Protein backbone atom coordinates (compact mmCIF):
# COMPACT_ATOMS: atom_id res chain seq x y z
CA MET A 1 0.00 0.00 0.00
CA LYS A 2 1.27 3.48 -0.80
CA GLU A 3 2.66 5.67 2.02
CA LYS A 4 0.12 8.45 1.35
CA VAL A 5 -2.77 6.00 1.74
CA LEU A 6 -1.31 4.45 4.91
CA THR A 7 -0.89 7.89 6.47
CA LEU A 8 -4.29 9.19 5.27
CA ARG A 9 -2.62 11.90 3.18
CA THR A 10 -4.68 11.69 0.00
CA HIS A 11 -7.46 14.13 -0.82
CA LEU A 12 -10.08 11.41 -0.44
CA LEU A 13 -8.74 10.34 2.98
CA SER A 14 -8.02 13.78 4.46
CA ASP A 15 -11.39 13.86 6.23
CA HIS A 16 -10.52 10.58 7.98
CA ASN A 17 -7.13 12.00 8.99
CA GLU A 18 -8.77 15.08 10.52
CA ARG A 19 -11.22 12.91 12.48
CA ARG A 20 -8.36 10.74 13.75
CA GLN A 21 -6.45 13.84 14.81
CA GLY A 22 -9.57 15.09 16.60
CA ALA A 23 -9.86 11.77 18.44
CA LEU A 24 -6.17 11.80 19.40
CA PHE A 25 -6.36 15.41 20.57
CA THR A 26 -9.49 14.97 22.69
CA SER A 27 -8.21 11.68 24.12
CA GLY A 28 -4.98 13.38 25.22
CA VAL A 29 -6.66 16.51 26.58
CA GLY A 30 -9.13 14.31 28.46
CA LYS A 31 -6.29 12.44 30.16
CA LEU A 32 -4.40 15.68 30.82
CA MET A 33 -7.44 17.35 32.40
CA GLU A 34 -8.45 14.13 34.17
CA TYR A 35 -11.81 13.96 32.40
CA GLU A 36 -13.33 10.56 31.83
CA PHE A 37 -14.47 11.54 28.38
CA ILE A 38 -14.49 14.60 26.11
CA SER A 39 -16.88 14.58 23.20
CA PHE A 40 -16.02 16.28 19.95
CA ALA A 41 -17.51 16.84 16.55
CA HIS A 42 -15.58 17.16 13.34
CA TYR A 43 -17.08 20.38 12.07
CA GLU A 44 -14.60 22.12 9.86
CA LYS A 45 -15.21 25.82 9.45
CA GLU A 46 -12.98 28.64 8.34
CA ASP A 47 -11.28 28.98 11.72
CA TYR A 48 -11.54 25.53 13.30
CA ASP A 49 -11.53 21.80 12.59
CA ILE A 50 -13.37 20.33 15.57
CA VAL A 51 -15.64 21.49 18.36
CA CYS A 52 -15.19 20.03 21.87
CA ARG A 53 -17.76 19.93 24.64
CA ASP A 54 -16.55 20.61 28.16
CA PRO A 55 -17.77 17.65 30.24
CA LYS A 56 -17.69 19.56 33.55
CA GLU A 57 -19.92 22.43 32.52
CA ASP A 58 -23.53 22.36 33.71
CA LEU A 59 -24.46 24.42 30.68
CA LEU A 60 -23.56 23.31 27.18
CA CYS A 61 -20.16 24.83 26.51
CA TYR A 62 -18.50 24.22 23.16
CA THR A 63 -14.95 25.20 22.30
CA PRO A 64 -13.58 25.49 18.76
CA VAL A 65 -10.22 23.81 18.14
CA GLN A 66 -7.87 24.40 15.24
CA LEU A 67 -5.67 21.36 14.60
CA LYS A 68 -2.24 21.84 13.06
CA GLU A 69 0.66 19.52 12.28
CA VAL A 70 4.43 19.66 12.33
CA THR A 71 4.79 17.37 9.34
CA PRO A 72 7.42 14.66 8.99
CA LYS A 73 10.74 15.95 7.63
CA SER A 74 10.22 13.85 4.50
CA LEU A 75 7.17 16.00 3.65
CA ASN A 76 8.40 19.40 4.83
CA PRO A 77 11.78 19.71 6.55
CA ASN A 78 11.03 23.38 7.41
CA SER A 79 7.85 22.74 9.41
CA THR A 80 8.19 23.83 13.07
CA VAL A 81 5.92 24.64 15.98
CA GLU A 82 7.06 28.28 15.92
CA LYS A 83 6.24 28.68 12.22
CA ILE A 84 2.81 27.15 12.78
CA LEU A 85 2.07 29.55 15.65
CA GLU A 86 3.27 32.55 13.63
CA SER A 87 1.00 31.44 10.79
CA CYS A 88 -1.96 31.18 13.20
CA MET A 89 -1.36 34.76 14.36
CA LYS A 90 -1.64 35.98 10.76
CA LYS A 91 -4.52 33.76 9.69
CA TYR A 92 -7.04 33.79 12.56
CA ALA A 93 -8.58 37.08 13.66
CA ASN A 94 -10.34 35.32 16.54
CA LEU A 95 -7.27 33.47 17.82
CA ASP A 96 -8.13 34.36 21.43
CA GLU A 97 -11.31 32.25 21.04
CA LEU A 98 -9.53 29.19 19.63
CA ILE A 99 -7.65 26.32 21.18
CA ILE A 100 -4.71 25.31 19.01
CA GLY A 101 -3.70 21.65 18.98
CA VAL A 102 -0.38 20.92 17.27
CA PHE A 103 0.37 17.33 16.28
CA VAL A 104 4.15 16.91 16.37
CA ASN A 105 4.56 14.21 13.73
CA ARG A 106 8.29 13.71 14.09
CA ALA A 107 10.35 11.26 16.05
CA SER A 108 12.55 12.96 18.66
CA ASP A 109 12.86 16.41 17.14
CA GLU A 110 14.90 18.68 19.43
CA GLU A 111 13.88 21.79 17.50
CA ASN A 112 10.23 21.28 18.39
CA ARG A 113 10.93 20.67 22.09
CA SER A 114 12.69 23.97 22.62
CA PHE A 115 10.45 26.34 20.69
CA LYS A 116 9.34 29.79 21.87
CA ILE A 117 5.79 31.03 21.71
CA PRO A 118 5.88 34.11 19.45
CA LYS A 119 5.36 37.48 21.09
CA GLY A 120 1.73 38.50 20.82
CA PHE A 121 0.42 34.93 20.43
CA LYS A 122 -2.82 34.86 22.44
CA ALA A 123 -4.85 31.70 21.90
CA LYS A 124 -7.49 30.38 24.30
CA GLY A 125 -5.28 27.32 24.70
CA LEU A 126 -2.21 25.65 23.20
CA PHE A 127 -1.47 21.94 23.33
CA LEU A 128 1.15 19.76 21.65
CA TYR A 129 0.68 16.04 21.13
CA GLY A 130 2.39 13.23 19.29
CA CYS A 131 3.39 9.61 19.23
CA CYS A 132 6.18 8.36 21.47
CA SER A 133 6.21 4.61 20.70
CA PRO A 134 7.09 2.72 17.52
CA ASP A 135 3.80 0.78 17.56
CA HIS A 136 1.73 4.00 17.83
CA THR A 137 0.03 3.00 21.08
CA GLU A 138 1.74 5.46 23.43
CA TRP A 139 1.27 9.19 22.93
CA PHE A 140 2.20 12.41 24.73
CA MET A 141 0.20 15.56 25.40
CA ILE A 142 1.59 18.77 26.82
CA GLY A 143 -0.43 21.82 27.74
CA ASP A 144 -1.88 24.20 28.30
CA LEU A 145 1.20 26.05 27.06
CA MET A 146 -0.55 29.41 27.40
CA TYR A 147 0.10 29.07 31.14
CA THR A 148 3.38 28.62 32.98
CA ASP A 149 2.17 25.49 34.80
CA SER A 150 1.68 23.30 31.72
CA THR A 151 1.84 19.54 32.18
CA LEU A 152 3.29 16.67 30.15
CA ILE A 153 1.50 13.33 30.25
CA LYS A 154 1.70 10.08 28.33
CA PHE A 155 -1.43 8.21 27.38
CA THR A 156 -2.46 5.10 25.53
CA TYR A 157 -4.55 5.59 22.46
CA PRO A 158 -7.36 3.01 22.41
CA MET A 159 -6.83 0.43 19.68
CA VAL A 160 -9.45 -1.79 18.12
CA GLU A 161 -8.64 -5.30 16.96
CA PRO A 162 -9.69 -6.21 13.40
CA ASP A 163 -12.41 -8.48 14.83
CA GLY A 164 -13.95 -5.42 16.51
CA GLY A 165 -12.80 -6.12 20.07
CA ASP A 166 -10.86 -3.61 22.11
CA GLN A 167 -7.25 -4.27 23.05
């Protein structure tokens, strides 16, 4: 099978990739915030990719999330967290209403661990997440980076066996 198909990088599969990223993001944020479950809807608009529902709110409270990716070096060797954040500042007029989730899709990339948040960057929230195991079962989430007391956690992404049973 071609690499682009395996990694959901074709035009026809991009919707599936965005849904997977939404599931990874909300799974990680849920573990980070110690929520049992965070629901989300893939609802791509001009300024966001998914909408999350806060499970602790008595009232319905939805938060728009813009998902970004530091791509593998084989696709774009110049992609960095800092460049993504700078791009967000230029692109989104309502940045202070958005949570930004950045998928770091690179194995052990020092450049993306020591980035600086650009001056003037004011998002509602900023989280980084990515894979930290060769079999893609263990992931990391760090956030909220808009605050000085951000936290790093590791979590297991739920896998489903081909027969439909959970691992």
